Protein backbone atom coordinates (compact mmCIF):
# COMPACT_ATOMS: atom_id res chain seq x y z
CA MET A 1 0.00 0.00 0.00
CA LYS A 2 1.27 3.46 -0.92
CA LYS A 3 1.08 6.56 1.24
CA ILE A 4 0.22 10.26 0.80
CA ALA A 5 1.22 12.79 3.47
CA VAL A 6 -0.43 16.21 3.50
CA LEU A 7 1.59 18.67 5.57
CA GLY A 8 -0.54 21.48 6.96
CA ALA A 9 -3.99 21.13 8.50
CA GLY A 10 -5.30 24.56 7.57
CA SER A 11 -8.37 25.03 5.40
CA TYR A 12 -6.82 24.10 2.05
CA GLY A 13 -4.51 21.38 3.34
CA THR A 14 -7.41 19.72 5.15
CA ALA A 15 -9.60 20.02 2.03
CA ILE A 16 -7.00 18.27 -0.15
CA ALA A 17 -6.48 15.55 2.47
CA TYR A 18 -10.26 15.12 2.67
CA HIS A 19 -10.54 14.82 -1.11
CA LEU A 20 -7.84 12.14 -1.33
CA ALA A 21 -9.04 10.22 1.72
CA LYS A 22 -12.59 10.11 0.31
CA LYS A 23 -11.28 8.88 -3.02
CA PHE A 24 -9.38 5.98 -1.46
CA GLU A 25 -11.81 5.37 1.41
CA ASN A 26 -12.98 2.02 0.05
CA SER A 27 -10.13 0.87 -2.17
CA ARG A 28 -7.43 1.61 0.42
CA GLU A 29 -4.95 1.81 -2.44
CA TYR A 30 -3.37 4.71 -0.57
CA ASP A 31 -3.08 5.60 3.08
CA VAL A 32 -3.69 9.32 3.58
CA CYS A 33 -2.35 11.20 6.59
CA LEU A 34 -2.46 14.83 7.67
CA TYR A 35 0.32 16.56 9.61
CA ALA A 36 -0.49 19.39 12.03
CA ARG A 37 1.70 21.17 14.57
CA SER A 38 -1.29 21.63 16.87
CA LYS A 39 -1.79 18.63 19.17
CA SER A 40 -5.41 19.63 19.77
CA ILE A 41 -6.18 19.54 16.04
CA VAL A 42 -4.51 16.14 15.70
CA GLU A 43 -6.50 14.78 18.65
CA GLU A 44 -9.74 16.21 17.24
CA ILE A 45 -9.18 14.68 13.79
CA ASN A 46 -8.25 11.25 15.19
CA GLY A 47 -10.85 11.29 17.94
CA ARG A 48 -13.89 12.89 16.31
CA ASN A 49 -13.07 13.01 12.58
CA THR A 50 -13.48 16.79 12.56
CA ASN A 51 -11.35 19.92 12.18
CA ASN A 52 -13.95 22.47 13.26
CA LYS A 53 -11.59 25.41 13.12
CA TYR A 54 -11.58 25.16 9.32
CA THR A 55 -14.59 23.10 8.27
CA LYS A 56 -17.87 21.67 9.54
CA THR A 57 -17.50 18.68 7.21
CA ILE A 58 -17.04 15.26 8.80
CA LEU A 59 -13.68 13.84 7.74
CA PRO A 60 -13.26 10.24 6.49
CA LYS A 61 -12.27 7.71 9.14
CA ASN A 62 -9.29 6.60 7.06
CA LEU A 63 -7.73 10.08 7.34
CA VAL A 64 -5.17 9.84 10.14
CA ALA A 65 -3.50 12.91 11.68
CA HIS A 66 0.04 13.14 13.09
CA ASN A 67 1.78 15.68 15.28
CA SER A 68 5.18 14.22 14.38
CA LEU A 69 6.65 15.13 11.01
CA HIS A 70 8.75 11.96 11.10
CA GLU A 71 5.66 9.78 11.48
CA ALA A 72 3.74 11.70 8.83
CA ILE A 73 6.32 11.24 6.07
CA ASP A 74 7.56 7.79 7.08
CA LYS A 75 7.44 5.51 4.00
CA THR A 76 5.42 8.10 2.09
CA ASN A 77 5.36 8.25 -1.70
CA TYR A 78 3.87 11.72 -2.04
CA ILE A 79 4.40 14.75 0.17
CA ILE A 80 1.82 17.51 -0.29
CA MET A 81 2.93 20.83 1.19
CA GLY A 82 -0.20 22.64 2.31
CA VAL A 83 1.27 25.39 4.49
CA PRO A 84 1.27 29.15 3.63
CA ALA A 85 3.94 30.41 1.25
CA GLN A 86 5.97 32.15 3.96
CA SER A 87 6.20 28.88 5.92
CA ILE A 88 7.41 26.73 3.02
CA ARG A 89 11.14 27.29 3.63
CA SER A 90 11.03 26.41 7.32
CA LEU A 91 9.03 23.25 6.55
CA ALA A 92 11.42 22.29 3.75
CA LYS A 93 14.36 22.72 6.16
CA GLU A 94 12.74 20.26 8.54
CA LEU A 95 12.13 17.83 5.69
CA SER A 96 15.72 18.01 4.44
CA ASP A 97 16.96 15.85 7.33
CA ILE A 98 14.31 13.16 7.09
CA VAL A 99 12.84 12.99 3.58
CA LYS A 100 13.97 10.06 1.43
CA ASP A 101 15.21 10.13 -2.16
CA LYS A 102 12.69 9.80 -4.99
CA THR A 103 9.81 11.24 -2.96
CA THR A 104 7.41 13.29 -5.07
CA ILE A 105 6.56 16.71 -3.64
CA ILE A 106 3.39 18.60 -4.53
CA ASN A 107 3.25 22.24 -3.50
CA LEU A 108 -0.10 23.91 -2.84
CA ALA A 109 1.13 27.32 -1.64
CA LYS A 110 0.32 30.32 -3.84
CA GLY A 111 2.81 33.08 -3.23
CA LEU A 112 6.40 34.25 -3.52
CA GLU A 113 8.89 34.26 -0.68
CA VAL A 114 9.32 37.63 1.01
CA GLY A 115 12.85 38.94 0.60
CA SER A 116 14.09 36.52 -2.06
CA PHE A 117 11.00 36.80 -4.33
CA LYS A 118 11.54 33.13 -5.16
CA ARG A 119 8.89 30.69 -6.27
CA MET A 120 7.88 27.84 -3.99
CA SER A 121 9.56 25.08 -6.03
CA GLN A 122 12.79 27.10 -5.98
CA VAL A 123 12.61 27.43 -2.20
CA VAL A 124 11.96 23.71 -1.70
CA LYS A 125 14.76 22.75 -4.10
CA GLU A 126 17.23 24.98 -2.26
CA GLU A 127 16.45 23.45 1.11
CA LEU A 128 16.35 19.81 -0.01
CA GLY A 129 19.67 20.22 -1.78
CA ALA A 130 21.11 17.03 -3.22
CA ILE A 131 18.10 14.86 -2.37
CA LYS A 132 16.64 13.29 -5.50
CA HIS A 133 13.00 14.27 -5.78
CA GLU A 134 10.32 15.55 -8.09
CA ILE A 135 8.82 18.95 -7.24
CA THR A 136 5.46 19.96 -8.69
CA SER A 137 2.96 22.73 -7.98
CA LEU A 138 -0.82 22.58 -8.06
CA GLY A 139 -2.58 25.82 -8.98
CA GLY A 140 -5.84 27.13 -10.32
CA PRO A 141 -9.31 28.08 -9.07
CA ALA A 142 -10.20 25.93 -6.07
CA PHE A 143 -11.75 27.15 -2.83
CA SER A 144 -11.54 24.68 0.04
CA LYS A 145 -15.29 24.97 0.74
CA ASP A 146 -16.02 23.74 -2.80
CA ILE A 147 -13.68 20.77 -2.39
CA PHE A 148 -15.46 19.79 0.85
CA ALA A 149 -18.82 20.12 -0.92
CA HIS A 150 -17.69 17.98 -3.88
CA HIS A 151 -18.42 20.84 -6.24
CA PRO A 152 -16.71 20.80 -9.68
CA ILE A 153 -13.02 21.72 -9.45
CA GLY A 154 -10.56 22.31 -12.30
CA VAL A 155 -6.89 22.93 -11.53
CA THR A 156 -3.49 22.81 -13.23
CA LEU A 157 -0.42 20.83 -12.18
CA GLY A 158 3.01 22.09 -13.19
CA GLY A 159 6.23 20.08 -13.16
CA LYS A 160 9.20 18.97 -15.25
CA ASN A 161 8.65 15.22 -15.54
CA HIS A 162 5.82 14.19 -17.86
CA LYS A 163 5.42 10.74 -16.29
CA THR A 164 5.24 12.17 -12.77
CA LEU A 165 2.65 14.74 -13.84
CA HIS A 166 0.38 12.01 -15.23
CA GLU A 167 0.77 9.94 -12.05
CA ILE A 168 -0.30 12.87 -9.87
CA ARG A 169 -3.14 13.78 -12.22
CA LEU A 170 -4.56 10.28 -11.81
CA LEU A 171 -3.96 10.48 -8.06
CA PHE A 172 -6.28 13.49 -7.74
CA ASP A 173 -8.70 12.74 -10.56
CA THR A 174 -12.34 12.10 -9.70
CA GLU A 175 -15.66 12.81 -11.38
CA THR A 176 -15.68 16.33 -9.92
CA PHE A 177 -11.94 17.04 -9.53
CA ASP A 178 -10.17 17.55 -12.87
CA VAL A 179 -6.43 18.18 -13.25
CA LYS A 180 -4.71 19.47 -16.39
CA ILE A 181 -0.92 19.19 -16.64
CA THR A 182 1.83 21.43 -17.98
CA LYS A 183 5.61 21.53 -17.88
CA ASP A 184 5.38 25.28 -17.27
CA VAL A 185 5.73 25.10 -13.49
CA ILE A 186 6.90 28.74 -13.51
CA GLY A 187 3.61 29.84 -15.05
CA VAL A 188 1.54 27.81 -12.58
CA GLU A 189 3.38 29.23 -9.57
CA LEU A 190 3.42 32.82 -10.81
CA GLY A 191 -0.25 32.70 -11.76
CA GLY A 192 -1.09 31.65 -8.21
CA ALA A 193 1.09 34.36 -6.69
CA LEU A 194 0.30 37.31 -8.97
CA LYS A 195 -3.49 36.90 -8.89
CA ASN A 196 -3.41 37.63 -5.15
CA VAL A 197 -2.09 41.14 -5.83
CA PHE A 198 -4.75 41.89 -8.42
CA GLY A 199 -7.41 40.38 -6.16
CA ILE A 200 -6.64 43.11 -3.62
CA MET A 201 -7.30 45.83 -6.19
CA ALA A 202 -10.58 44.13 -7.14
CA GLY A 203 -11.56 44.32 -3.49
CA VAL A 204 -10.60 47.99 -3.36
CA MET A 205 -12.95 48.69 -6.26
CA SER A 206 -15.74 46.82 -4.48
CA GLY A 207 -15.12 48.82 -1.31
CA THR A 208 -15.41 52.11 -3.16
CA ASP A 209 -18.69 51.04 -4.86
CA MET A 210 -17.73 51.59 -8.49
CA GLY A 211 -20.47 49.42 -9.92
CA SER A 212 -20.28 46.03 -11.61
CA SER A 213 -19.25 46.87 -15.17
CA ILE A 214 -15.72 47.79 -14.17
CA ASN A 215 -15.14 44.24 -12.90
CA GLY A 216 -15.09 42.74 -16.38
CA ASP A 217 -12.77 45.44 -17.65
CA PHE A 218 -10.49 44.96 -14.65
CA LEU A 219 -10.08 41.23 -15.32
CA THR A 220 -8.89 41.87 -18.88
CA ARG A 221 -6.46 44.58 -17.80
CA SER A 222 -5.14 42.42 -14.97
CA ILE A 223 -4.42 39.42 -17.15
CA VAL A 224 -2.48 41.64 -19.58
CA ASP A 225 -0.22 42.80 -16.75
CA MET A 226 0.07 39.30 -15.25
CA LYS A 227 1.17 37.85 -18.58
CA ALA A 228 3.76 40.57 -19.06
CA ILE A 229 5.27 39.97 -15.61
CA ALA A 230 5.11 36.18 -15.81
CA SER A 231 6.71 35.94 -19.26
CA TYR A 232 9.49 38.29 -18.12
CA MET A 233 10.15 35.84 -15.27
CA GLY A 234 10.29 32.81 -17.57
CA ALA A 235 6.69 31.59 -17.83
CA ARG A 236 4.72 30.89 -20.98
CA ARG A 237 2.14 33.58 -21.65
CA ALA A 238 -0.40 30.93 -22.70
CA THR A 239 -0.34 29.39 -19.20
CA LEU A 240 -1.77 32.62 -17.80
CA ASP A 241 -4.74 32.30 -20.17
CA GLY A 242 -5.75 29.05 -18.48
CA ARG A 243 -6.80 27.83 -15.06
CA ALA A 244 -3.55 28.78 -13.31
CA GLY A 245 -3.85 32.39 -14.46
CA LEU A 246 -7.20 33.74 -15.61
CA GLY A 247 -9.15 30.99 -13.86
CA ASP A 248 -7.53 31.61 -10.48
CA LEU A 249 -7.72 35.39 -10.95
CA ALA A 250 -11.47 35.22 -11.62
CA ILE A 251 -12.31 33.61 -8.26
CA THR A 252 -9.74 35.73 -6.41
CA CYS A 253 -11.74 38.79 -7.45
CA THR A 254 -14.77 37.51 -5.50
CA GLU A 255 -16.02 37.36 -1.92
CA GLY A 256 -14.47 33.94 -1.33
CA SER A 257 -10.92 35.32 -1.54
CA ARG A 258 -9.06 36.66 1.50
CA ASN A 259 -7.14 39.07 -0.75
CA PHE A 260 -10.37 40.48 -2.16
CA ARG A 261 -11.87 40.91 1.31
CA PHE A 262 -8.67 42.62 2.47
CA GLY A 263 -8.82 45.17 -0.37
CA ARG A 264 -12.49 45.87 0.21
CA GLU A 265 -12.10 46.27 3.97
CA PHE A 266 -9.10 48.56 3.52
CA ALA A 267 -11.12 50.84 1.22
CA GLN A 268 -13.96 50.92 3.73
CA GLN A 269 -11.62 51.64 6.63
CA TYR A 270 -10.17 54.52 4.61
CA GLN A 271 -13.62 55.93 3.98
CA LYS A 272 -14.38 55.83 7.72
CA ASN A 273 -11.30 57.83 8.65
CA SER A 274 -8.89 58.94 5.92
CA THR A 275 -6.70 60.85 8.41
CA LEU A 276 -5.30 57.66 9.95
CA THR A 277 -1.78 56.59 9.05
CA ILE A 278 -1.29 53.72 6.62
CA ASP A 279 0.00 51.46 9.41
CA VAL A 280 -3.11 52.05 11.51
CA LEU A 281 -5.39 51.50 8.52
CA LEU A 282 -3.68 48.20 7.72
CA LYS A 283 -3.87 47.13 11.37
CA ASN A 284 -7.57 48.00 11.57
CA THR A 285 -8.21 46.13 8.33
CA LEU A 286 -6.59 42.90 9.55
CA GLU A 287 -8.35 43.13 12.91
CA ALA A 288 -11.73 43.69 11.26
CA LEU A 289 -11.21 40.56 9.13
CA GLN A 290 -9.71 38.62 12.04
CA ILE A 291 -6.72 37.52 9.97
CA LYS A 292 -2.97 37.92 10.37
CA THR A 293 -1.57 37.54 6.87
CA VAL A 294 -2.52 38.37 3.29
CA GLU A 295 -0.33 36.77 0.63
CA GLY A 296 -1.02 39.44 -1.98
CA PHE A 297 0.21 42.20 0.34
CA TYR A 298 3.51 40.38 0.89
CA THR A 299 3.95 39.79 -2.84
CA LEU A 300 3.17 43.39 -3.80
CA GLU A 301 6.34 45.09 -2.55
CA PRO A 302 8.96 42.89 -4.29
CA LEU A 303 6.72 42.75 -7.37
CA TYR A 304 6.63 46.54 -7.53
CA GLN A 305 10.40 46.71 -7.16
CA LEU A 306 10.88 44.18 -9.96
CA CYS A 307 8.57 46.10 -12.30
CA GLU A 308 10.23 49.42 -11.48
CA SER A 309 13.75 48.08 -12.01
CA SER A 310 12.76 46.59 -15.37
CA ASN A 311 10.83 49.71 -16.46
CA MET A 312 7.68 47.61 -16.93
CA PHE A 313 4.33 49.22 -17.68
CA VAL A 314 1.97 47.73 -15.07
CA PRO A 315 -0.29 50.55 -13.81
CA ILE A 316 -2.39 48.36 -11.48
CA VAL A 317 0.66 47.16 -9.55
CA ASN A 318 2.15 50.65 -9.53
CA ASN A 319 -0.86 52.41 -8.06
CA LEU A 320 -1.82 49.65 -5.64
CA TYR A 321 1.69 49.86 -4.17
CA LYS A 322 1.52 53.65 -3.87
CA MET A 323 -1.75 53.32 -2.00
CA LEU A 324 -0.84 50.49 0.40
CA TYR A 325 2.85 51.15 0.99
CA GLN A 326 3.37 54.86 0.38
CA SER A 327 -0.07 56.24 1.30
CA ASP A 328 0.31 58.37 -1.81
CA CYS A 329 -3.35 58.22 -2.83
CA SER A 330 -6.81 57.21 -1.67
CA PRO A 331 -8.46 53.98 -2.87
CA GLU A 332 -10.59 55.95 -5.35
CA GLU A 333 -7.53 57.79 -6.64
CA ALA A 334 -5.57 54.54 -7.01
CA VAL A 335 -8.26 53.08 -9.26
CA HIS A 336 -8.66 56.34 -11.18
CA ARG A 337 -4.91 56.64 -11.74
CA TYR A 338 -4.43 53.12 -13.03
CA ARG A 339 -7.31 53.58 -15.49
CA ILE A 340 -5.90 56.89 -16.73
CA ARG A 341 -2.49 55.29 -17.25
CA ASP A 342 -4.10 52.30 -18.95
CA LYS A 343 -5.70 54.57 -21.53
CA ILE A 344 -2.25 54.96 -23.07
CA ARG A 345 -2.57 51.40 -24.32
CA SER A 346 -4.98 52.28 -27.09
CA ARG A 347 -4.55 49.04 -29.05
CA GLU A 348 -6.64 46.11 -27.76
CA ALA A 349 -4.43 43.40 -29.31
CA ARG A 350 -0.73 43.57 -30.01
CA LEU A 351 0.70 43.49 -33.52
CA THR A 352 1.87 40.12 -34.79
CA ILE A 353 5.49 41.26 -34.87
CA SER A 354 5.22 42.36 -31.24
CA ARG A 355 3.82 38.97 -30.21
CA ILE A 356 6.68 37.20 -32.00
CA PHE A 357 9.33 39.41 -30.39
CA SER A 358 7.82 39.00 -26.92
CA PHE A 359 7.84 35.22 -27.39
CA LEU A 360 11.45 35.15 -28.57
CA PHE A 361 12.82 37.82 -26.23
CA PRO A 362 10.50 38.05 -23.18
CA ARG A 363 13.08 39.84 -21.01
CA ILE A 364 13.66 42.47 -23.67
CA TRP A 365 10.39 42.94 -25.53
CA TYR A 366 7.55 43.81 -23.16
CA ARG A 367 5.31 46.78 -22.34
CA ARG A 368 7.67 49.42 -21.04
CA GLU A 369 6.89 52.57 -19.12
CA ARG A 370 9.43 54.24 -21.41
CA GLY A 371 10.81 52.73 -24.61
CA PHE A 372 14.37 51.75 -25.35
CA PHE A 373 15.29 55.31 -26.27
CA GLY A 374 12.81 57.26 -24.18
CA VAL A 375 10.08 56.66 -26.76
CA LYS A 376 6.91 55.00 -25.52
CA ASN A 377 6.83 51.30 -26.36
CA LEU A 378 3.40 50.13 -25.25
């Protein structure tokens, strides 16, 4: 019998463990276990088949929880990393001393590491060093509540080994859970990280009550900027048109997303008292939502710095940063400014020659704030 270890008993980690345990509940082809640092959560899962902090759904009896990382990954074939992006490195460090060669790793975290701006697979690879392993990342539109409810889910798995990708696809595949595969792991990881930033701006627009029509326009403008950034960083532009990009962005711009709720609450806090400092506004926003972290906020600063250093034309990123980090404008002004800047891009679709050049030379040919010789190249 083979084994799957899901590391991280938060909402999404528990949902993925639930999905896999339900799939193999009768066949017992795989043992599924869930690792949690909290002893109380482990005792609750093993004693009552619940994890009430994150879901009201009754968990399968074949889902076993562990408080020991050693026990969780002992003789495991697949390690699924379900912790937040900023905790991936510390978890990978712990794994480096105990994980065995040829273990397949599936990352669920959607974000970029603060400070290094590295993708999750890069972080894991650094920490595991010489250990032989396959690292993949699962991305795309999937809320944990929909997984628990067995609602239709469609996601994308990115990795380098075609055989491994197919094995994992079949591992997750059910009537309601569909997995597409791609070797563009960069695109999958960047799509999951970048959409969080744009989800915040979508929330800001909701908090300032700008109507519904702007939402459709915002999605199209966001995906243009996401594709420019992702291709510059080595991803395929086409990946951002699929589930890992546009699909994930679409649900991140809705009520179900923490990033969206953060942006909306920030705009509302600003409207209540615009004289407060940015630090107080951010603190009040997090307290009102009863959360401690927002991935999109962490990603925004290094993303802004990257775009500035490369002279990239990304008005949404630019003005969101000036609002949240520099307190340079109000939420309404931030939206107004990005739309004014976006008007410069008068052509809806790029010329064929521009598409060819951007494909061949993504780190040279992209939408620049200023052209190569000070001439606008948009």
